[in-house]
Full PDB file with SEQRES, HELIX, SHEET, SSBOND, CRYST1, ORIGX, SCALE, CONECT and MASTER records, all heavy atoms in Angstrom:
SEQRES   1 A   37  ASN GLN SER PRO ASN ALA ASN LEU LEU TYR ASP GLU TYR          
SEQRES   2 A   37  TYR THR GLU GLU ASP LEU PRO SER VAL VAL LYS ARG GLY          
SEQRES   3 A   37  SER LYS GLU GLU GLN LEU THR GLN GLY ILE ILE                  
HELIX    1 AA1 ALA A    6  TYR A   13  1                                   8    
HELIX    2 AA2 GLU A   16  ASP A   18  5                                   3    
HELIX    3 AA3 GLU A   30  ILE A   36  1                                   7    
CRYST1    1.000    1.000    1.000  90.00  90.00  90.00 P 1           1          
ORIGX1      1.000000  0.000000  0.000000        0.00000                         
ORIGX2      0.000000  1.000000  0.000000        0.00000                         
ORIGX3      0.000000  0.000000  1.000000        0.00000                         
SCALE1      1.000000  0.000000  0.000000        0.00000                         
SCALE2      0.000000  1.000000  0.000000        0.00000                         
SCALE3      0.000000  0.000000  1.000000        0.00000                         
ATOM      1  N   ASN A   1      14.882  16.390 -19.907  1.00  0.00           N  
ATOM      2  CA  ASN A   1      16.093  15.949 -20.653  1.00  0.00           C  
ATOM      3  C   ASN A   1      17.214  15.635 -19.695  1.00  0.00           C  
ATOM      4  O   ASN A   1      18.103  14.877 -19.985  1.00  0.00           O  
ATOM      5  CB  ASN A   1      16.573  17.085 -21.632  1.00  0.00           C  
ATOM      6  CG  ASN A   1      15.616  17.175 -22.773  1.00  0.00           C  
ATOM      7  OD1 ASN A   1      14.935  16.179 -23.177  1.00  0.00           O  
ATOM      8  ND2 ASN A   1      15.581  18.294 -23.457  1.00  0.00           N  
ATOM      9  N   GLN A   2      17.148  16.111 -18.450  1.00  0.00           N  
ATOM     10  CA  GLN A   2      18.261  15.865 -17.511  1.00  0.00           C  
ATOM     11  C   GLN A   2      18.096  14.506 -16.786  1.00  0.00           C  
ATOM     12  O   GLN A   2      19.193  13.906 -16.699  1.00  0.00           O  
ATOM     13  CB  GLN A   2      18.202  17.028 -16.452  1.00  0.00           C  
ATOM     14  CG  GLN A   2      18.773  18.323 -16.954  1.00  0.00           C  
ATOM     15  CD  GLN A   2      18.883  19.265 -15.810  1.00  0.00           C  
ATOM     16  OE1 GLN A   2      18.176  19.163 -14.823  1.00  0.00           O  
ATOM     17  NE2 GLN A   2      19.645  20.358 -15.962  1.00  0.00           N  
ATOM     18  N   SER A   3      16.975  14.097 -16.457  1.00  0.00           N  
ATOM     19  CA  SER A   3      16.959  12.839 -15.629  1.00  0.00           C  
ATOM     20  C   SER A   3      15.470  12.377 -15.730  1.00  0.00           C  
ATOM     21  O   SER A   3      14.548  13.148 -15.981  1.00  0.00           O  
ATOM     22  CB  SER A   3      17.310  13.106 -14.233  1.00  0.00           C  
ATOM     23  OG  SER A   3      16.451  13.993 -13.579  1.00  0.00           O  
ATOM     24  N   PRO A   4      15.267  11.131 -15.415  1.00  0.00           N  
ATOM     25  CA  PRO A   4      13.935  10.598 -15.347  1.00  0.00           C  
ATOM     26  C   PRO A   4      13.146  11.279 -14.345  1.00  0.00           C  
ATOM     27  O   PRO A   4      13.670  11.739 -13.337  1.00  0.00           O  
ATOM     28  CB  PRO A   4      14.119   8.994 -14.966  1.00  0.00           C  
ATOM     29  CG  PRO A   4      15.505   8.816 -15.327  1.00  0.00           C  
ATOM     30  CD  PRO A   4      16.285  10.021 -15.101  1.00  0.00           C  
ATOM     31  N   ASN A   5      11.840  11.379 -14.546  1.00  0.00           N  
ATOM     32  CA  ASN A   5      10.905  12.080 -13.573  1.00  0.00           C  
ATOM     33  C   ASN A   5      10.603  10.995 -12.575  1.00  0.00           C  
ATOM     34  O   ASN A   5       9.661  10.201 -12.811  1.00  0.00           O  
ATOM     35  CB  ASN A   5       9.713  12.578 -14.275  1.00  0.00           C  
ATOM     36  CG  ASN A   5       8.894  13.484 -13.281  1.00  0.00           C  
ATOM     37  OD1 ASN A   5       8.606  13.060 -12.231  1.00  0.00           O  
ATOM     38  ND2 ASN A   5       8.600  14.643 -13.802  1.00  0.00           N  
ATOM     39  N   ALA A   6      11.245  11.066 -11.370  1.00  0.00           N  
ATOM     40  CA  ALA A   6      11.036  10.039 -10.311  1.00  0.00           C  
ATOM     41  C   ALA A   6       9.620   9.948  -9.884  1.00  0.00           C  
ATOM     42  O   ALA A   6       9.048   8.894  -9.626  1.00  0.00           O  
ATOM     43  CB  ALA A   6      11.950  10.280  -9.261  1.00  0.00           C  
ATOM     44  N   ASN A   7       8.990  11.145  -9.660  1.00  0.00           N  
ATOM     45  CA  ASN A   7       7.513  11.125  -9.126  1.00  0.00           C  
ATOM     46  C   ASN A   7       6.620  10.452 -10.096  1.00  0.00           C  
ATOM     47  O   ASN A   7       5.791   9.741  -9.663  1.00  0.00           O  
ATOM     48  CB  ASN A   7       7.189  12.626  -8.921  1.00  0.00           C  
ATOM     49  CG  ASN A   7       7.831  13.207  -7.702  1.00  0.00           C  
ATOM     50  OD1 ASN A   7       8.082  12.478  -6.709  1.00  0.00           O  
ATOM     51  ND2 ASN A   7       8.071  14.527  -7.787  1.00  0.00           N  
ATOM     52  N   LEU A   8       6.753  10.792 -11.348  1.00  0.00           N  
ATOM     53  CA  LEU A   8       5.907  10.117 -12.352  1.00  0.00           C  
ATOM     54  C   LEU A   8       6.073   8.587 -12.376  1.00  0.00           C  
ATOM     55  O   LEU A   8       5.154   7.884 -12.507  1.00  0.00           O  
ATOM     56  CB  LEU A   8       6.076  10.783 -13.754  1.00  0.00           C  
ATOM     57  CG  LEU A   8       5.510  12.179 -13.903  1.00  0.00           C  
ATOM     58  CD1 LEU A   8       5.894  12.677 -15.330  1.00  0.00           C  
ATOM     59  CD2 LEU A   8       4.002  12.224 -13.564  1.00  0.00           C  
ATOM     60  N   LEU A   9       7.312   8.192 -12.387  1.00  0.00           N  
ATOM     61  CA  LEU A   9       7.611   6.779 -12.354  1.00  0.00           C  
ATOM     62  C   LEU A   9       7.065   6.084 -11.234  1.00  0.00           C  
ATOM     63  O   LEU A   9       6.617   5.008 -11.271  1.00  0.00           O  
ATOM     64  CB  LEU A   9       9.120   6.547 -12.487  1.00  0.00           C  
ATOM     65  CG  LEU A   9       9.751   6.834 -13.849  1.00  0.00           C  
ATOM     66  CD1 LEU A   9      11.296   6.711 -13.868  1.00  0.00           C  
ATOM     67  CD2 LEU A   9       9.188   5.933 -14.955  1.00  0.00           C  
ATOM     68  N   TYR A  10       7.224   6.748 -10.028  1.00  0.00           N  
ATOM     69  CA  TYR A  10       6.743   6.118  -8.848  1.00  0.00           C  
ATOM     70  C   TYR A  10       5.152   5.942  -8.890  1.00  0.00           C  
ATOM     71  O   TYR A  10       4.658   4.892  -8.520  1.00  0.00           O  
ATOM     72  CB  TYR A  10       7.008   6.987  -7.546  1.00  0.00           C  
ATOM     73  CG  TYR A  10       6.354   6.486  -6.279  1.00  0.00           C  
ATOM     74  CD1 TYR A  10       7.040   5.503  -5.528  1.00  0.00           C  
ATOM     75  CD2 TYR A  10       5.228   6.986  -5.805  1.00  0.00           C  
ATOM     76  CE1 TYR A  10       6.535   5.060  -4.326  1.00  0.00           C  
ATOM     77  CE2 TYR A  10       4.663   6.508  -4.575  1.00  0.00           C  
ATOM     78  CZ  TYR A  10       5.297   5.487  -3.939  1.00  0.00           C  
ATOM     79  OH  TYR A  10       4.797   5.068  -2.746  1.00  0.00           O  
ATOM     80  N   ASP A  11       4.532   6.980  -9.405  1.00  0.00           N  
ATOM     81  CA  ASP A  11       3.003   6.934  -9.544  1.00  0.00           C  
ATOM     82  C   ASP A  11       2.660   5.858 -10.522  1.00  0.00           C  
ATOM     83  O   ASP A  11       1.588   5.165 -10.412  1.00  0.00           O  
ATOM     84  CB  ASP A  11       2.400   8.274 -10.004  1.00  0.00           C  
ATOM     85  CG  ASP A  11       2.593   9.355  -8.932  1.00  0.00           C  
ATOM     86  OD1 ASP A  11       2.671   8.991  -7.757  1.00  0.00           O  
ATOM     87  OD2 ASP A  11       2.525  10.570  -9.287  1.00  0.00           O  
ATOM     88  N   GLU A  12       3.507   5.615 -11.555  1.00  0.00           N  
ATOM     89  CA  GLU A  12       3.178   4.588 -12.566  1.00  0.00           C  
ATOM     90  C   GLU A  12       3.397   3.169 -11.994  1.00  0.00           C  
ATOM     91  O   GLU A  12       2.631   2.231 -12.256  1.00  0.00           O  
ATOM     92  CB  GLU A  12       4.115   4.829 -13.785  1.00  0.00           C  
ATOM     93  CG  GLU A  12       3.971   3.776 -14.799  1.00  0.00           C  
ATOM     94  CD  GLU A  12       4.835   3.943 -15.968  1.00  0.00           C  
ATOM     95  OE1 GLU A  12       5.529   5.032 -16.066  1.00  0.00           O  
ATOM     96  OE2 GLU A  12       5.005   3.049 -16.862  1.00  0.00           O  
ATOM     97  N   TYR A  13       4.454   2.928 -11.164  1.00  0.00           N  
ATOM     98  CA  TYR A  13       4.774   1.640 -10.750  1.00  0.00           C  
ATOM     99  C   TYR A  13       4.196   1.273  -9.326  1.00  0.00           C  
ATOM    100  O   TYR A  13       4.140   0.051  -9.040  1.00  0.00           O  
ATOM    101  CB  TYR A  13       6.295   1.435 -10.719  1.00  0.00           C  
ATOM    102  CG  TYR A  13       6.816   1.241 -12.102  1.00  0.00           C  
ATOM    103  CD1 TYR A  13       7.201   2.334 -12.895  1.00  0.00           C  
ATOM    104  CD2 TYR A  13       6.923  -0.082 -12.708  1.00  0.00           C  
ATOM    105  CE1 TYR A  13       7.789   2.042 -14.110  1.00  0.00           C  
ATOM    106  CE2 TYR A  13       7.402  -0.260 -13.918  1.00  0.00           C  
ATOM    107  CZ  TYR A  13       7.762   0.769 -14.667  1.00  0.00           C  
ATOM    108  OH  TYR A  13       8.348   0.600 -15.921  1.00  0.00           O  
ATOM    109  N   TYR A  14       3.877   2.205  -8.525  1.00  0.00           N  
ATOM    110  CA  TYR A  14       3.279   1.939  -7.274  1.00  0.00           C  
ATOM    111  C   TYR A  14       1.774   1.583  -7.400  1.00  0.00           C  
ATOM    112  O   TYR A  14       1.051   2.291  -7.987  1.00  0.00           O  
ATOM    113  CB  TYR A  14       3.426   3.059  -6.238  1.00  0.00           C  
ATOM    114  CG  TYR A  14       2.613   2.869  -4.981  1.00  0.00           C  
ATOM    115  CD1 TYR A  14       3.003   1.871  -4.063  1.00  0.00           C  
ATOM    116  CD2 TYR A  14       1.456   3.652  -4.808  1.00  0.00           C  
ATOM    117  CE1 TYR A  14       2.239   1.712  -2.934  1.00  0.00           C  
ATOM    118  CE2 TYR A  14       0.760   3.400  -3.624  1.00  0.00           C  
ATOM    119  CZ  TYR A  14       1.071   2.459  -2.700  1.00  0.00           C  
ATOM    120  OH  TYR A  14       0.297   2.277  -1.574  1.00  0.00           O  
ATOM    121  N   THR A  15       1.344   0.461  -6.772  1.00  0.00           N  
ATOM    122  CA  THR A  15      -0.045   0.132  -6.699  1.00  0.00           C  
ATOM    123  C   THR A  15      -0.361  -0.615  -5.441  1.00  0.00           C  
ATOM    124  O   THR A  15       0.481  -1.428  -4.978  1.00  0.00           O  
ATOM    125  CB  THR A  15      -0.424  -0.748  -7.919  1.00  0.00           C  
ATOM    126  OG1 THR A  15      -1.737  -1.198  -7.744  1.00  0.00           O  
ATOM    127  CG2 THR A  15       0.480  -1.910  -8.080  1.00  0.00           C  
ATOM    128  N   GLU A  16      -1.402  -0.294  -4.808  1.00  0.00           N  
ATOM    129  CA  GLU A  16      -1.887  -1.010  -3.574  1.00  0.00           C  
ATOM    130  C   GLU A  16      -2.033  -2.542  -3.819  1.00  0.00           C  
ATOM    131  O   GLU A  16      -1.996  -3.227  -2.814  1.00  0.00           O  
ATOM    132  CB  GLU A  16      -3.109  -0.318  -3.004  1.00  0.00           C  
ATOM    133  CG  GLU A  16      -2.855   1.045  -2.376  1.00  0.00           C  
ATOM    134  CD  GLU A  16      -4.055   1.569  -1.620  1.00  0.00           C  
ATOM    135  OE1 GLU A  16      -4.942   0.740  -1.395  1.00  0.00           O  
ATOM    136  OE2 GLU A  16      -4.126   2.773  -1.362  1.00  0.00           O  
ATOM    137  N   GLU A  17      -2.282  -2.927  -5.021  1.00  0.00           N  
ATOM    138  CA  GLU A  17      -2.526  -4.284  -5.268  1.00  0.00           C  
ATOM    139  C   GLU A  17      -1.267  -5.170  -4.984  1.00  0.00           C  
ATOM    140  O   GLU A  17      -1.326  -6.326  -4.880  1.00  0.00           O  
ATOM    141  CB  GLU A  17      -2.957  -4.515  -6.779  1.00  0.00           C  
ATOM    142  CG  GLU A  17      -4.262  -3.856  -7.095  1.00  0.00           C  
ATOM    143  CD  GLU A  17      -4.638  -4.014  -8.593  1.00  0.00           C  
ATOM    144  OE1 GLU A  17      -3.815  -4.569  -9.262  1.00  0.00           O  
ATOM    145  OE2 GLU A  17      -5.696  -3.441  -9.022  1.00  0.00           O  
ATOM    146  N   ASP A  18      -0.133  -4.456  -5.013  1.00  0.00           N  
ATOM    147  CA  ASP A  18       1.188  -5.129  -4.692  1.00  0.00           C  
ATOM    148  C   ASP A  18       1.378  -5.362  -3.185  1.00  0.00           C  
ATOM    149  O   ASP A  18       2.292  -6.104  -2.843  1.00  0.00           O  
ATOM    150  CB  ASP A  18       2.408  -4.428  -5.246  1.00  0.00           C  
ATOM    151  CG  ASP A  18       2.422  -4.558  -6.796  1.00  0.00           C  
ATOM    152  OD1 ASP A  18       1.839  -5.520  -7.342  1.00  0.00           O  
ATOM    153  OD2 ASP A  18       3.128  -3.643  -7.375  1.00  0.00           O  
ATOM    154  N   LEU A  19       0.545  -4.810  -2.357  1.00  0.00           N  
ATOM    155  CA  LEU A  19       0.719  -4.928  -0.941  1.00  0.00           C  
ATOM    156  C   LEU A  19       0.093  -6.321  -0.591  1.00  0.00           C  
ATOM    157  O   LEU A  19      -0.891  -6.716  -1.053  1.00  0.00           O  
ATOM    158  CB  LEU A  19      -0.008  -3.751  -0.229  1.00  0.00           C  
ATOM    159  CG  LEU A  19       0.802  -2.443  -0.275  1.00  0.00           C  
ATOM    160  CD1 LEU A  19      -0.258  -1.279   0.302  1.00  0.00           C  
ATOM    161  CD2 LEU A  19       1.987  -2.489   0.582  1.00  0.00           C  
ATOM    162  N   PRO A  20       0.752  -6.893   0.439  1.00  0.00           N  
ATOM    163  CA  PRO A  20       0.262  -8.260   0.868  1.00  0.00           C  
ATOM    164  C   PRO A  20      -1.061  -8.203   1.710  1.00  0.00           C  
ATOM    165  O   PRO A  20      -1.414  -7.099   2.231  1.00  0.00           O  
ATOM    166  CB  PRO A  20       1.317  -8.681   1.784  1.00  0.00           C  
ATOM    167  CG  PRO A  20       1.893  -7.526   2.370  1.00  0.00           C  
ATOM    168  CD  PRO A  20       1.869  -6.452   1.171  1.00  0.00           C  
ATOM    169  N   SER A  21      -1.801  -9.275   1.766  1.00  0.00           N  
ATOM    170  CA  SER A  21      -3.031  -9.325   2.533  1.00  0.00           C  
ATOM    171  C   SER A  21      -2.589  -9.630   3.987  1.00  0.00           C  
ATOM    172  O   SER A  21      -1.850 -10.534   4.348  1.00  0.00           O  
ATOM    173  CB  SER A  21      -3.979 -10.320   2.044  1.00  0.00           C  
ATOM    174  OG  SER A  21      -5.064 -10.557   2.922  1.00  0.00           O  
ATOM    175  N   VAL A  22      -3.178  -8.815   4.914  1.00  0.00           N  
ATOM    176  CA  VAL A  22      -2.911  -9.092   6.389  1.00  0.00           C  
ATOM    177  C   VAL A  22      -4.243  -9.250   7.119  1.00  0.00           C  
ATOM    178  O   VAL A  22      -4.382  -8.929   8.309  1.00  0.00           O  
ATOM    179  CB  VAL A  22      -2.044  -7.897   6.998  1.00  0.00           C  
ATOM    180  CG1 VAL A  22      -0.686  -7.988   6.419  1.00  0.00           C  
ATOM    181  CG2 VAL A  22      -2.793  -6.539   6.758  1.00  0.00           C  
ATOM    182  N   VAL A  23      -5.229  -9.676   6.449  1.00  0.00           N  
ATOM    183  CA  VAL A  23      -6.570  -9.959   7.097  1.00  0.00           C  
ATOM    184  C   VAL A  23      -6.457 -11.088   8.092  1.00  0.00           C  
ATOM    185  O   VAL A  23      -5.899 -12.140   7.774  1.00  0.00           O  
ATOM    186  CB  VAL A  23      -7.611 -10.287   6.050  1.00  0.00           C  
ATOM    187  CG1 VAL A  23      -8.892 -10.650   6.746  1.00  0.00           C  
ATOM    188  CG2 VAL A  23      -7.801  -9.161   5.032  1.00  0.00           C  
ATOM    189  N   LYS A  24      -6.940 -10.854   9.334  1.00  0.00           N  
ATOM    190  CA  LYS A  24      -6.874 -11.749  10.349  1.00  0.00           C  
ATOM    191  C   LYS A  24      -8.199 -11.922  11.083  1.00  0.00           C  
ATOM    192  O   LYS A  24      -8.972 -10.946  11.097  1.00  0.00           O  
ATOM    193  CB  LYS A  24      -5.805 -11.438  11.402  1.00  0.00           C  
ATOM    194  CG  LYS A  24      -4.350 -11.483  10.792  1.00  0.00           C  
ATOM    195  CD  LYS A  24      -3.283 -10.989  11.810  1.00  0.00           C  
ATOM    196  CE  LYS A  24      -1.864 -10.946  11.209  1.00  0.00           C  
ATOM    197  NZ  LYS A  24      -1.508 -12.242  10.653  1.00  0.00           N  
ATOM    198  N   ARG A  25      -8.461 -12.989  11.649  1.00  0.00           N  
ATOM    199  CA  ARG A  25      -9.751 -13.047  12.417  1.00  0.00           C  
ATOM    200  C   ARG A  25      -9.507 -13.107  13.924  1.00  0.00           C  
ATOM    201  O   ARG A  25      -8.418 -13.660  14.395  1.00  0.00           O  
ATOM    202  CB  ARG A  25     -10.443 -14.309  11.996  1.00  0.00           C  
ATOM    203  CG  ARG A  25     -10.790 -14.473  10.507  1.00  0.00           C  
ATOM    204  CD  ARG A  25     -11.541 -15.659  10.103  1.00  0.00           C  
ATOM    205  NE  ARG A  25     -11.723 -15.757   8.721  1.00  0.00           N  
ATOM    206  CZ  ARG A  25     -12.824 -15.197   8.090  1.00  0.00           C  
ATOM    207  NH1 ARG A  25     -13.714 -14.469   8.911  1.00  0.00           N  
ATOM    208  NH2 ARG A  25     -13.043 -15.260   6.837  1.00  0.00           N  
ATOM    209  N   GLY A  26     -10.394 -12.560  14.666  1.00  0.00           N  
ATOM    210  CA  GLY A  26     -10.288 -12.508  16.106  1.00  0.00           C  
ATOM    211  C   GLY A  26     -10.742 -11.231  16.687  1.00  0.00           C  
ATOM    212  O   GLY A  26     -10.960 -10.262  16.015  1.00  0.00           O  
ATOM    213  N   SER A  27     -10.908 -11.263  18.003  1.00  0.00           N  
ATOM    214  CA  SER A  27     -11.460 -10.032  18.704  1.00  0.00           C  
ATOM    215  C   SER A  27     -10.444  -8.974  18.836  1.00  0.00           C  
ATOM    216  O   SER A  27     -10.843  -7.841  19.125  1.00  0.00           O  
ATOM    217  CB  SER A  27     -11.952 -10.485  20.036  1.00  0.00           C  
ATOM    218  OG  SER A  27     -11.009 -11.092  20.871  1.00  0.00           O  
ATOM    219  N   LYS A  28      -9.094  -9.233  18.673  1.00  0.00           N  
ATOM    220  CA  LYS A  28      -8.140  -8.210  18.890  1.00  0.00           C  
ATOM    221  C   LYS A  28      -7.683  -7.539  17.622  1.00  0.00           C  
ATOM    222  O   LYS A  28      -6.738  -6.776  17.584  1.00  0.00           O  
ATOM    223  CB  LYS A  28      -6.906  -8.914  19.580  1.00  0.00           C  
ATOM    224  CG  LYS A  28      -7.260  -9.434  20.988  1.00  0.00           C  
ATOM    225  CD  LYS A  28      -6.017  -9.957  21.619  1.00  0.00           C  
ATOM    226  CE  LYS A  28      -6.222 -10.481  23.018  1.00  0.00           C  
ATOM    227  NZ  LYS A  28      -4.971 -11.112  23.672  1.00  0.00           N  
ATOM    228  N   GLU A  29      -8.362  -7.809  16.540  1.00  0.00           N  
ATOM    229  CA  GLU A  29      -8.019  -7.394  15.238  1.00  0.00           C  
ATOM    230  C   GLU A  29      -8.510  -6.047  14.805  1.00  0.00           C  
ATOM    231  O   GLU A  29      -8.400  -5.597  13.657  1.00  0.00           O  
ATOM    232  CB  GLU A  29      -8.203  -8.393  14.102  1.00  0.00           C  
ATOM    233  CG  GLU A  29      -7.103  -9.418  13.973  1.00  0.00           C  
ATOM    234  CD  GLU A  29      -6.807 -10.165  15.215  1.00  0.00           C  
ATOM    235  OE1 GLU A  29      -7.798 -10.755  15.794  1.00  0.00           O  
ATOM    236  OE2 GLU A  29      -5.704 -10.156  15.654  1.00  0.00           O  
ATOM    237  N   GLU A  30      -9.295  -5.364  15.698  1.00  0.00           N  
ATOM    238  CA  GLU A  30      -9.928  -4.120  15.373  1.00  0.00           C  
ATOM    239  C   GLU A  30      -8.909  -3.052  14.960  1.00  0.00           C  
ATOM    240  O   GLU A  30      -9.120  -2.295  13.984  1.00  0.00           O  
ATOM    241  CB  GLU A  30     -10.787  -3.616  16.564  1.00  0.00           C  
ATOM    242  CG  GLU A  30     -11.534  -2.338  16.233  1.00  0.00           C  
ATOM    243  CD  GLU A  30     -12.429  -1.908  17.385  1.00  0.00           C  
ATOM    244  OE1 GLU A  30     -12.518  -2.593  18.424  1.00  0.00           O  
ATOM    245  OE2 GLU A  30     -12.874  -0.735  17.308  1.00  0.00           O  
ATOM    246  N   GLN A  31      -7.830  -3.011  15.716  1.00  0.00           N  
ATOM    247  CA  GLN A  31      -6.770  -2.060  15.425  1.00  0.00           C  
ATOM    248  C   GLN A  31      -6.208  -2.270  14.030  1.00  0.00           C  
ATOM    249  O   GLN A  31      -5.939  -1.320  13.218  1.00  0.00           O  
ATOM    250  CB  GLN A  31      -5.568  -2.121  16.407  1.00  0.00           C  
ATOM    251  CG  GLN A  31      -6.040  -1.527  17.801  1.00  0.00           C  
ATOM    252  CD  GLN A  31      -5.995   0.028  17.840  1.00  0.00           C  
ATOM    253  OE1 GLN A  31      -5.753   0.630  16.843  1.00  0.00           O  
ATOM    254  NE2 GLN A  31      -6.210   0.546  19.042  1.00  0.00           N  
ATOM    255  N   LEU A  32      -6.001  -3.536  13.712  1.00  0.00           N  
ATOM    256  CA  LEU A  32      -5.413  -3.845  12.326  1.00  0.00           C  
ATOM    257  C   LEU A  32      -6.401  -3.463  11.281  1.00  0.00           C  
ATOM    258  O   LEU A  32      -6.022  -2.799  10.209  1.00  0.00           O  
ATOM    259  CB  LEU A  32      -5.241  -5.332  12.219  1.00  0.00           C  
ATOM    260  CG  LEU A  32      -4.662  -5.850  10.981  1.00  0.00           C  
ATOM    261  CD1 LEU A  32      -3.255  -5.237  10.631  1.00  0.00           C  
ATOM    262  CD2 LEU A  32      -4.494  -7.427  11.001  1.00  0.00           C  
ATOM    263  N   THR A  33      -7.741  -3.735  11.516  1.00  0.00           N  
ATOM    264  CA  THR A  33      -8.751  -3.334  10.468  1.00  0.00           C  
ATOM    265  C   THR A  33      -8.804  -1.807  10.356  1.00  0.00           C  
ATOM    266  O   THR A  33      -8.879  -1.244   9.206  1.00  0.00           O  
ATOM    267  CB  THR A  33     -10.149  -3.834  10.931  1.00  0.00           C  
ATOM    268  OG1 THR A  33     -10.060  -5.274  11.084  1.00  0.00           O  
ATOM    269  CG2 THR A  33     -11.223  -3.474   9.907  1.00  0.00           C  
ATOM    270  N   GLN A  34      -8.797  -1.088  11.540  1.00  0.00           N  
ATOM    271  CA  GLN A  34      -8.716   0.364  11.406  1.00  0.00           C  
ATOM    272  C   GLN A  34      -7.511   0.901  10.705  1.00  0.00           C  
ATOM    273  O   GLN A  34      -7.629   1.870   9.904  1.00  0.00           O  
ATOM    274  CB  GLN A  34      -8.793   0.873  12.861  1.00  0.00           C  
ATOM    275  CG  GLN A  34     -10.116   0.763  13.540  1.00  0.00           C  
ATOM    276  CD  GLN A  34     -10.117   1.267  15.005  1.00  0.00           C  
ATOM    277  OE1 GLN A  34      -9.063   1.653  15.444  1.00  0.00           O  
ATOM    278  NE2 GLN A  34     -11.179   1.198  15.650  1.00  0.00           N  
ATOM    279  N   GLY A  35      -6.417   0.249  10.883  1.00  0.00           N  
ATOM    280  CA  GLY A  35      -5.135   0.656  10.171  1.00  0.00           C  
ATOM    281  C   GLY A  35      -5.316   0.591   8.713  1.00  0.00           C  
ATOM    282  O   GLY A  35      -4.900   1.378   7.897  1.00  0.00           O  
ATOM    283  N   ILE A  36      -5.841  -0.572   8.250  1.00  0.00           N  
ATOM    284  CA  ILE A  36      -6.009  -0.884   6.834  1.00  0.00           C  
ATOM    285  C   ILE A  36      -7.067   0.136   6.187  1.00  0.00           C  
ATOM    286  O   ILE A  36      -6.788   0.779   5.076  1.00  0.00           O  
ATOM    287  CB  ILE A  36      -6.492  -2.216   6.544  1.00  0.00           C  
ATOM    288  CG1 ILE A  36      -5.417  -3.238   6.973  1.00  0.00           C  
ATOM    289  CG2 ILE A  36      -6.770  -2.453   5.045  1.00  0.00           C  
ATOM    290  CD1 ILE A  36      -5.698  -4.672   6.839  1.00  0.00           C  
ATOM    291  N   ILE A  37      -8.137   0.407   6.873  1.00  0.00           N  
ATOM    292  CA  ILE A  37      -9.142   1.407   6.417  1.00  0.00           C  
ATOM    293  C   ILE A  37      -8.530   2.727   6.322  1.00  0.00           C  
ATOM    294  O   ILE A  37      -8.685   3.415   5.349  1.00  0.00           O  
ATOM    295  CB  ILE A  37     -10.335   1.329   7.373  1.00  0.00           C  
ATOM    296  CG1 ILE A  37     -11.089   0.034   7.257  1.00  0.00           C  
ATOM    297  CG2 ILE A  37     -11.283   2.550   6.977  1.00  0.00           C  
ATOM    298  CD1 ILE A  37     -12.277  -0.089   8.216  1.00  0.00           C  
TER     299      ILE A  37                                                      
MASTER        0    0    0    3    0    0    0    6  298    1    0    3          
END                                                                             
């Protein structure tokens, strides 16, 4: 009754699908791939 539940709203509205694609090709992209995984 005091205020919106911020944690629940965050869980409701946050989705990884909203994150951009940063897939790149090349021999130096291993760190990037590891970061995403």
